[in-house]
Amino acid sequence: MVGGAAMYPSKTIVENAVNSKDHTTLVAAVKAAGLVDTLNGPGPFTVFAPTNAAFGKLPKGTVETLVKPESKAMLTGILTYHVVPGRLTAADLQKAVKDGHGKAMLKTVEGESLTVEWKHDRLEVVDAKGATAWVTIPDVLQSNGVIHVVDTVLMPM
């Protein structure tokens, strides 16, 4: 269950996300960026999915500006920064962190890297600017990948 909705491993990332009441901002942003077809595609993708509350932490007016047509390139960059090619479960991420002596670097679809660490018995994701997001719900399995719900919007440089 994510955002009060059942998540079905037989459905795609977008097909499941549209039912989560905690991800309405993310779904609207994905639509505004024109990424629905991509995230409905075969993947596989690992998505660090910010909640509505995570978007709410951004400065006032940021989301409204990002979903405007003239901000599409910036919005696309931010959203694809939350996507890593492949299907990386929490166990995969923990192993990568262990193998990386405490940190794992993940190359995003956007092109920059995210850093994953294991702290306080949970996964932490660090963006290019040093901001951190906690994985609050790991391993939401999808037909074309996996979603890890995060509590902060990650930003590329």
N, C-alpha and C. Protein backbone atom coordinates (compact mmCIF):
# COMPACT_ATOMS: atom_id res chain seq x y z
N MET A 1 0.84 -1.19 0.00
CA MET A 1 0.00 0.00 0.00
C MET A 1 0.88 1.25 0.00
N VAL A 2 0.58 2.15 -0.89
CA VAL A 2 1.26 3.44 -0.94
C VAL A 2 0.19 4.50 -1.16
N GLY A 3 0.18 5.50 -0.30
CA GLY A 3 -0.81 6.56 -0.43
C GLY A 3 -2.23 6.05 -0.39
N GLY A 4 -2.47 5.00 0.40
CA GLY A 4 -3.81 4.46 0.54
C GLY A 4 -4.26 3.56 -0.60
N ALA A 5 -3.36 3.29 -1.54
CA ALA A 5 -3.73 2.46 -2.69
C ALA A 5 -2.85 1.21 -2.77
N ALA A 6 -3.46 0.13 -3.16
CA ALA A 6 -2.69 -1.09 -3.40
C ALA A 6 -1.78 -0.87 -4.60
N MET A 7 -0.58 -1.40 -4.49
CA MET A 7 0.38 -1.34 -5.60
C MET A 7 0.51 -2.75 -6.17
N TYR A 8 0.27 -2.89 -7.46
CA TYR A 8 0.25 -4.20 -8.08
C TYR A 8 1.52 -4.44 -8.88
N PRO A 9 2.25 -5.53 -8.59
CA PRO A 9 3.48 -5.81 -9.32
C PRO A 9 3.24 -6.09 -10.80
N SER A 10 1.99 -6.31 -11.19
CA SER A 10 1.68 -6.56 -12.60
C SER A 10 1.46 -5.26 -13.38
N LYS A 11 1.42 -4.12 -12.68
CA LYS A 11 1.20 -2.82 -13.33
C LYS A 11 2.51 -2.05 -13.43
N THR A 12 2.52 -1.07 -14.34
CA THR A 12 3.72 -0.25 -14.53
C THR A 12 3.82 0.81 -13.43
N ILE A 13 4.94 1.48 -13.43
CA ILE A 13 5.19 2.55 -12.46
C ILE A 13 4.09 3.59 -12.50
N VAL A 14 3.74 4.06 -13.68
CA VAL A 14 2.71 5.09 -13.81
C VAL A 14 1.33 4.54 -13.46
N GLU A 15 1.02 3.34 -13.92
CA GLU A 15 -0.29 2.75 -13.63
C GLU A 15 -0.54 2.64 -12.13
N ASN A 16 0.51 2.36 -11.36
CA ASN A 16 0.36 2.30 -9.91
C ASN A 16 0.38 3.68 -9.28
N ALA A 17 1.30 4.53 -9.71
CA ALA A 17 1.47 5.84 -9.08
C ALA A 17 0.21 6.70 -9.16
N VAL A 18 -0.53 6.59 -10.25
CA VAL A 18 -1.74 7.42 -10.39
C VAL A 18 -2.77 7.14 -9.31
N ASN A 19 -2.67 6.00 -8.65
CA ASN A 19 -3.64 5.65 -7.61
C ASN A 19 -3.22 6.08 -6.21
N SER A 20 -1.98 6.52 -6.05
CA SER A 20 -1.47 6.91 -4.73
C SER A 20 -1.85 8.36 -4.43
N LYS A 21 -2.61 8.57 -3.37
CA LYS A 21 -2.98 9.94 -3.00
C LYS A 21 -1.78 10.72 -2.49
N ASP A 22 -0.69 10.05 -2.17
CA ASP A 22 0.52 10.72 -1.72
C ASP A 22 1.44 11.15 -2.86
N HIS A 23 1.06 10.81 -4.10
CA HIS A 23 1.93 11.11 -5.24
C HIS A 23 1.23 11.88 -6.35
N THR A 24 0.18 12.63 -6.02
CA THR A 24 -0.54 13.37 -7.05
C THR A 24 0.34 14.46 -7.69
N THR A 25 1.20 15.09 -6.90
CA THR A 25 2.09 16.11 -7.46
C THR A 25 3.10 15.48 -8.40
N LEU A 26 3.66 14.34 -8.00
CA LEU A 26 4.62 13.64 -8.85
C LEU A 26 3.96 13.22 -10.16
N VAL A 27 2.76 12.68 -10.09
CA VAL A 27 2.06 12.25 -11.31
C VAL A 27 1.79 13.45 -12.21
N ALA A 28 1.35 14.56 -11.65
CA ALA A 28 1.11 15.77 -12.45
C ALA A 28 2.40 16.24 -13.10
N ALA A 29 3.50 16.17 -12.37
CA ALA A 29 4.80 16.60 -12.91
C ALA A 29 5.26 15.66 -14.03
N VAL A 30 5.07 14.37 -13.85
CA VAL A 30 5.43 13.39 -14.90
C VAL A 30 4.62 13.66 -16.17
N LYS A 31 3.35 13.97 -16.01
CA LYS A 31 2.51 14.30 -17.16
C LYS A 31 2.99 15.59 -17.82
N ALA A 32 3.28 16.62 -17.03
CA ALA A 32 3.73 17.91 -17.57
C ALA A 32 5.06 17.78 -18.30
N ALA A 33 5.91 16.86 -17.84
CA ALA A 33 7.22 16.67 -18.46
C ALA A 33 7.15 15.74 -19.68
N GLY A 34 6.00 15.13 -19.91
CA GLY A 34 5.87 14.21 -21.04
C GLY A 34 6.58 12.89 -20.82
N LEU A 35 6.66 12.44 -19.57
CA LEU A 35 7.39 11.21 -19.26
C LEU A 35 6.50 10.00 -19.01
N VAL A 36 5.19 10.14 -19.23
CA VAL A 36 4.27 9.03 -18.97
C VAL A 36 4.64 7.82 -19.82
N ASP A 37 4.82 8.00 -21.13
CA ASP A 37 5.12 6.87 -22.00
C ASP A 37 6.44 6.21 -21.61
N THR A 38 7.42 7.00 -21.26
CA THR A 38 8.71 6.45 -20.84
C THR A 38 8.55 5.57 -19.61
N LEU A 39 7.88 6.08 -18.59
CA LEU A 39 7.74 5.33 -17.34
C LEU A 39 6.68 4.24 -17.41
N ASN A 40 5.94 4.19 -18.51
CA ASN A 40 5.05 3.07 -18.78
C ASN A 40 5.76 2.02 -19.64
N GLY A 41 6.96 2.37 -20.14
CA GLY A 41 7.73 1.49 -21.01
C GLY A 41 8.31 0.31 -20.27
N PRO A 42 9.05 -0.52 -21.01
CA PRO A 42 9.54 -1.78 -20.44
C PRO A 42 10.59 -1.62 -19.33
N GLY A 43 11.33 -0.51 -19.34
CA GLY A 43 12.35 -0.32 -18.30
C GLY A 43 13.43 -1.37 -18.38
N PRO A 44 13.86 -1.91 -17.27
CA PRO A 44 13.37 -1.62 -15.93
C PRO A 44 13.96 -0.32 -15.38
N PHE A 45 13.22 0.28 -14.45
CA PHE A 45 13.62 1.52 -13.81
C PHE A 45 13.55 1.37 -12.30
N THR A 46 14.43 2.07 -11.63
CA THR A 46 14.34 2.26 -10.18
C THR A 46 14.00 3.73 -9.99
N VAL A 47 12.87 3.99 -9.35
CA VAL A 47 12.39 5.36 -9.18
C VAL A 47 12.37 5.71 -7.69
N PHE A 48 13.03 6.81 -7.36
CA PHE A 48 12.95 7.37 -6.02
C PHE A 48 11.82 8.40 -6.10
N ALA A 49 10.64 8.02 -5.60
CA ALA A 49 9.40 8.78 -5.81
C ALA A 49 9.08 9.70 -4.64
N PRO A 50 9.27 11.03 -4.84
CA PRO A 50 8.94 11.97 -3.77
C PRO A 50 7.42 12.07 -3.56
N THR A 51 7.04 12.20 -2.31
CA THR A 51 5.63 12.35 -1.95
C THR A 51 5.19 13.80 -2.17
N ASN A 52 3.89 14.02 -2.04
CA ASN A 52 3.36 15.39 -2.08
C ASN A 52 4.01 16.23 -0.99
N ALA A 53 4.20 15.65 0.19
CA ALA A 53 4.84 16.39 1.29
C ALA A 53 6.27 16.77 0.93
N ALA A 54 6.96 15.90 0.18
CA ALA A 54 8.33 16.22 -0.26
C ALA A 54 8.31 17.43 -1.20
N PHE A 55 7.37 17.45 -2.13
CA PHE A 55 7.25 18.61 -3.02
C PHE A 55 6.86 19.85 -2.22
N GLY A 56 6.09 19.66 -1.16
CA GLY A 56 5.69 20.77 -0.31
C GLY A 56 6.84 21.43 0.44
N LYS A 57 7.96 20.74 0.57
CA LYS A 57 9.15 21.30 1.22
C LYS A 57 9.89 22.30 0.31
N LEU A 58 9.60 22.25 -0.99
CA LEU A 58 10.26 23.17 -1.92
C LEU A 58 9.79 24.60 -1.66
N PRO A 59 10.60 25.59 -2.02
CA PRO A 59 10.17 26.98 -1.83
C PRO A 59 8.81 27.24 -2.49
N LYS A 60 8.03 28.09 -1.86
CA LYS A 60 6.69 28.42 -2.35
C LYS A 60 6.75 28.84 -3.82
N GLY A 61 5.85 28.27 -4.62
CA GLY A 61 5.76 28.61 -6.04
C GLY A 61 6.63 27.76 -6.95
N THR A 62 7.52 26.93 -6.39
CA THR A 62 8.43 26.13 -7.21
C THR A 62 7.68 25.14 -8.09
N VAL A 63 6.77 24.38 -7.49
CA VAL A 63 6.04 23.37 -8.25
C VAL A 63 5.21 24.02 -9.35
N GLU A 64 4.54 25.10 -9.00
CA GLU A 64 3.71 25.80 -9.99
C GLU A 64 4.55 26.29 -11.17
N THR A 65 5.75 26.76 -10.89
CA THR A 65 6.65 27.22 -11.95
C THR A 65 7.14 26.04 -12.79
N LEU A 66 7.49 24.94 -12.13
CA LEU A 66 8.05 23.79 -12.84
C LEU A 66 7.07 23.14 -13.81
N VAL A 67 5.79 23.16 -13.50
CA VAL A 67 4.83 22.49 -14.38
C VAL A 67 4.37 23.36 -15.55
N LYS A 68 4.88 24.59 -15.63
CA LYS A 68 4.57 25.44 -16.78
C LYS A 68 5.31 24.93 -18.01
N PRO A 69 4.70 25.06 -19.19
CA PRO A 69 5.35 24.57 -20.41
C PRO A 69 6.76 25.10 -20.63
N GLU A 70 7.01 26.34 -20.27
CA GLU A 70 8.34 26.92 -20.48
C GLU A 70 9.40 26.34 -19.54
N SER A 71 8.97 25.59 -18.52
CA SER A 71 9.90 24.98 -17.57
C SER A 71 10.07 23.48 -17.81
N LYS A 72 9.55 22.99 -18.94
CA LYS A 72 9.54 21.55 -19.20
C LYS A 72 10.94 20.93 -19.14
N ALA A 73 11.95 21.57 -19.71
CA ALA A 73 13.30 21.00 -19.70
C ALA A 73 13.84 20.87 -18.28
N MET A 74 13.62 21.89 -17.46
CA MET A 74 14.08 21.85 -16.07
C MET A 74 13.34 20.76 -15.29
N LEU A 75 12.03 20.70 -15.48
CA LEU A 75 11.21 19.69 -14.81
C LEU A 75 11.65 18.29 -15.22
N THR A 76 11.87 18.09 -16.50
CA THR A 76 12.31 16.79 -16.99
C THR A 76 13.64 16.40 -16.36
N GLY A 77 14.55 17.35 -16.24
CA GLY A 77 15.84 17.09 -15.61
C GLY A 77 15.69 16.66 -14.16
N ILE A 78 14.83 17.36 -13.44
CA ILE A 78 14.62 17.02 -12.02
C ILE A 78 13.99 15.63 -11.89
N LEU A 79 12.98 15.36 -12.69
CA LEU A 79 12.29 14.07 -12.60
C LEU A 79 13.19 12.91 -13.02
N THR A 80 13.94 13.07 -14.10
CA THR A 80 14.81 11.97 -14.55
C THR A 80 16.00 11.78 -13.62
N TYR A 81 16.27 12.78 -12.77
CA TYR A 81 17.29 12.65 -11.74
C TYR A 81 16.83 11.68 -10.64
N HIS A 82 15.55 11.41 -10.55
CA HIS A 82 15.00 10.46 -9.58
C HIS A 82 14.91 9.04 -10.14
N VAL A 83 15.38 8.84 -11.37
CA VAL A 83 15.25 7.54 -12.03
C VAL A 83 16.64 6.97 -12.34
N VAL A 84 16.82 5.72 -11.98
CA VAL A 84 18.07 5.00 -12.25
C VAL A 84 17.72 3.81 -13.13
N PRO A 85 18.49 3.58 -14.20
CA PRO A 85 18.23 2.40 -15.02
C PRO A 85 18.41 1.11 -14.21
N GLY A 86 17.57 0.14 -14.47
CA GLY A 86 17.66 -1.14 -13.79
C GLY A 86 16.67 -1.26 -12.66
N ARG A 87 16.58 -2.46 -12.14
CA ARG A 87 15.65 -2.77 -11.04
C ARG A 87 16.48 -3.03 -9.79
N LEU A 88 16.62 -2.01 -8.96
CA LEU A 88 17.44 -2.10 -7.75
C LEU A 88 16.55 -2.13 -6.52
N THR A 89 16.45 -3.29 -5.90
CA THR A 89 15.66 -3.41 -4.68
C THR A 89 16.47 -2.83 -3.52
N ALA A 90 15.83 -2.72 -2.37
CA ALA A 90 16.53 -2.23 -1.19
C ALA A 90 17.70 -3.15 -0.85
N ALA A 91 17.53 -4.45 -1.02
CA ALA A 91 18.64 -5.40 -0.77
C ALA A 91 19.79 -5.14 -1.73
N ASP A 92 19.48 -4.87 -3.00
CA ASP A 92 20.52 -4.55 -3.99
C ASP A 92 21.25 -3.27 -3.59
N LEU A 93 20.50 -2.28 -3.15
CA LEU A 93 21.10 -1.01 -2.75
C LEU A 93 21.97 -1.18 -1.49
N GLN A 94 21.48 -1.96 -0.54
CA GLN A 94 22.27 -2.22 0.66
C GLN A 94 23.58 -2.94 0.32
N LYS A 95 23.52 -3.90 -0.59
CA LYS A 95 24.72 -4.62 -1.01
C LYS A 95 25.69 -3.66 -1.70
N ALA A 96 25.18 -2.80 -2.56
CA ALA A 96 26.04 -1.83 -3.25
C ALA A 96 26.71 -0.88 -2.24
N VAL A 97 25.98 -0.48 -1.21
CA VAL A 97 26.53 0.38 -0.17
C VAL A 97 27.64 -0.37 0.57
N LYS A 98 27.36 -1.62 0.93
CA LYS A 98 28.37 -2.43 1.63
C LYS A 98 29.61 -2.61 0.75
N ASP A 99 29.40 -2.96 -0.51
CA ASP A 99 30.52 -3.16 -1.45
C ASP A 99 31.29 -1.87 -1.67
N GLY A 100 30.60 -0.72 -1.54
CA GLY A 100 31.23 0.58 -1.74
C GLY A 100 31.78 1.17 -0.45
N HIS A 101 31.90 0.33 0.58
CA HIS A 101 32.45 0.76 1.88
C HIS A 101 31.68 1.93 2.47
N GLY A 102 30.34 1.82 2.42
CA GLY A 102 29.49 2.81 3.07
C GLY A 102 28.71 3.72 2.14
N LYS A 103 29.06 3.69 0.84
CA LYS A 103 28.36 4.54 -0.13
C LYS A 103 28.26 3.83 -1.47
N ALA A 104 27.16 4.07 -2.15
CA ALA A 104 26.99 3.58 -3.51
C ALA A 104 26.62 4.76 -4.40
N MET A 105 27.30 4.88 -5.52
CA MET A 105 27.00 5.94 -6.47
C MET A 105 26.11 5.35 -7.57
N LEU A 106 24.99 6.00 -7.84
CA LEU A 106 24.06 5.55 -8.86
C LEU A 106 23.97 6.60 -9.96
N LYS A 107 24.20 6.19 -11.19
CA LYS A 107 24.08 7.10 -12.34
C LYS A 107 22.60 7.19 -12.71
N THR A 108 22.05 8.39 -12.72
CA THR A 108 20.63 8.58 -13.02
C THR A 108 20.40 8.71 -14.52
N VAL A 109 19.15 8.61 -14.92
CA VAL A 109 18.77 8.81 -16.32
C VAL A 109 19.11 10.24 -16.75
N GLU A 110 19.04 11.18 -15.82
CA GLU A 110 19.37 12.59 -16.09
C GLU A 110 20.84 12.75 -16.43
N GLY A 111 21.69 11.85 -15.91
CA GLY A 111 23.12 11.88 -16.24
C GLY A 111 24.03 12.11 -15.05
N GLU A 112 23.51 12.73 -14.00
CA GLU A 112 24.31 12.94 -12.79
C GLU A 112 24.12 11.76 -11.85
N SER A 113 24.84 11.78 -10.75
CA SER A 113 24.79 10.67 -9.80
C SER A 113 24.05 11.02 -8.52
N LEU A 114 23.50 10.00 -7.92
CA LEU A 114 22.95 10.04 -6.57
C LEU A 114 23.85 9.16 -5.71
N THR A 115 23.97 9.50 -4.45
CA THR A 115 24.72 8.68 -3.52
C THR A 115 23.73 8.03 -2.56
N VAL A 116 23.88 6.73 -2.37
CA VAL A 116 23.03 6.01 -1.43
C VAL A 116 23.91 5.54 -0.28
N GLU A 117 23.39 5.73 0.94
CA GLU A 117 24.09 5.31 2.15
C GLU A 117 23.09 4.57 3.04
N TRP A 118 23.62 3.78 3.97
CA TRP A 118 22.79 3.10 4.96
C TRP A 118 23.05 3.76 6.30
N LYS A 119 22.03 4.45 6.83
CA LYS A 119 22.17 5.16 8.09
C LYS A 119 20.93 4.93 8.94
N HIS A 120 21.14 4.74 10.22
CA HIS A 120 20.02 4.58 11.16
C HIS A 120 19.06 3.49 10.70
N ASP A 121 19.62 2.40 10.18
CA ASP A 121 18.84 1.24 9.74
C ASP A 121 17.88 1.52 8.60
N ARG A 122 18.26 2.49 7.75
CA ARG A 122 17.44 2.74 6.55
C ARG A 122 18.31 3.39 5.48
N LEU A 123 17.75 3.40 4.28
CA LEU A 123 18.49 3.97 3.15
C LEU A 123 18.31 5.48 3.09
N GLU A 124 19.42 6.15 2.85
CA GLU A 124 19.43 7.60 2.66
C GLU A 124 19.97 7.87 1.27
N VAL A 125 19.34 8.78 0.56
CA VAL A 125 19.78 9.17 -0.78
C VAL A 125 20.24 10.61 -0.71
N VAL A 126 21.44 10.87 -1.23
CA VAL A 126 22.03 12.20 -1.19
C VAL A 126 22.14 12.72 -2.62
N ASP A 127 21.64 13.94 -2.86
CA ASP A 127 21.68 14.49 -4.22
C ASP A 127 22.99 15.24 -4.46
N ALA A 128 23.12 15.79 -5.66
CA ALA A 128 24.34 16.47 -6.08
C ALA A 128 24.64 17.70 -5.25
N LYS A 129 23.61 18.25 -4.61
CA LYS A 129 23.79 19.46 -3.80
C LYS A 129 24.01 19.14 -2.32
N GLY A 130 24.00 17.84 -1.98
CA GLY A 130 24.21 17.44 -0.60
C GLY A 130 22.95 17.30 0.22
N ALA A 131 21.80 17.56 -0.36
CA ALA A 131 20.53 17.38 0.36
C ALA A 131 20.24 15.88 0.47
N THR A 132 19.55 15.51 1.53
CA THR A 132 19.28 14.09 1.76
C THR A 132 17.79 13.79 1.75
N ALA A 133 17.48 12.57 1.32
CA ALA A 133 16.12 12.04 1.35
C ALA A 133 16.18 10.66 1.98
N TRP A 134 15.22 10.36 2.83
CA TRP A 134 15.11 9.03 3.40
C TRP A 134 14.16 8.21 2.57
N VAL A 135 14.48 6.94 2.37
CA VAL A 135 13.54 6.02 1.75
C VAL A 135 12.55 5.63 2.85
N THR A 136 11.30 6.05 2.67
CA THR A 136 10.28 5.80 3.69
C THR A 136 9.49 4.52 3.42
N ILE A 137 9.36 4.16 2.15
CA ILE A 137 8.73 2.89 1.76
C ILE A 137 9.60 2.29 0.67
N PRO A 138 10.36 1.23 0.99
CA PRO A 138 11.20 0.60 -0.04
C PRO A 138 10.43 -0.48 -0.80
N ASP A 139 11.01 -0.86 -1.93
CA ASP A 139 10.59 -2.07 -2.64
C ASP A 139 9.12 -2.15 -3.03
N VAL A 140 8.60 -1.10 -3.65
CA VAL A 140 7.26 -1.16 -4.22
C VAL A 140 7.47 -1.68 -5.64
N LEU A 141 7.31 -3.00 -5.78
CA LEU A 141 7.65 -3.67 -7.04
C LEU A 141 6.61 -3.39 -8.12
N GLN A 142 7.09 -3.15 -9.33
CA GLN A 142 6.27 -2.83 -10.49
C GLN A 142 6.62 -3.79 -11.62
N SER A 143 5.80 -3.84 -12.64
CA SER A 143 6.12 -4.73 -13.77
C SER A 143 7.36 -4.26 -14.52
N ASN A 144 7.64 -2.97 -14.46
CA ASN A 144 8.78 -2.42 -15.20
C ASN A 144 9.83 -1.79 -14.27
N GLY A 145 9.89 -2.26 -13.04
CA GLY A 145 10.91 -1.75 -12.14
C GLY A 145 10.48 -1.76 -10.69
N VAL A 146 11.01 -0.81 -9.94
CA VAL A 146 10.73 -0.72 -8.52
C VAL A 146 10.70 0.76 -8.10
N ILE A 147 9.81 1.06 -7.18
CA ILE A 147 9.71 2.40 -6.61
C ILE A 147 10.17 2.33 -5.17
N HIS A 148 10.96 3.34 -4.78
CA HIS A 148 11.29 3.58 -3.38
C HIS A 148 10.74 4.97 -3.07
N VAL A 149 9.78 5.05 -2.16
CA VAL A 149 9.18 6.33 -1.79
C VAL A 149 10.20 7.11 -0.95
N VAL A 150 10.39 8.40 -1.29
CA VAL A 150 11.32 9.25 -0.55
C VAL A 150 10.60 10.49 -0.02
N ASP A 151 11.20 11.08 1.01
CA ASP A 151 10.55 12.20 1.70
C ASP A 151 11.07 13.58 1.29
N THR A 152 11.92 13.64 0.27
CA THR A 152 12.50 14.90 -0.19
C THR A 152 12.69 14.84 -1.70
N VAL A 153 12.47 15.97 -2.37
CA VAL A 153 12.76 16.06 -3.80
C VAL A 153 14.27 16.23 -3.97
N LEU A 154 14.86 15.38 -4.78
CA LEU A 154 16.30 15.42 -5.04
C LEU A 154 16.58 16.36 -6.20
N MET A 155 17.69 17.10 -6.11
CA MET A 155 18.00 18.09 -7.13
C MET A 155 19.38 17.84 -7.76
N PRO A 156 19.41 17.85 -9.10
CA PRO A 156 20.70 17.78 -9.78
C PRO A 156 21.41 19.14 -9.64
N MET A 157 22.63 19.22 -10.07
CA MET A 157 23.37 20.49 -9.99
C MET A 157 22.77 21.54 -10.86
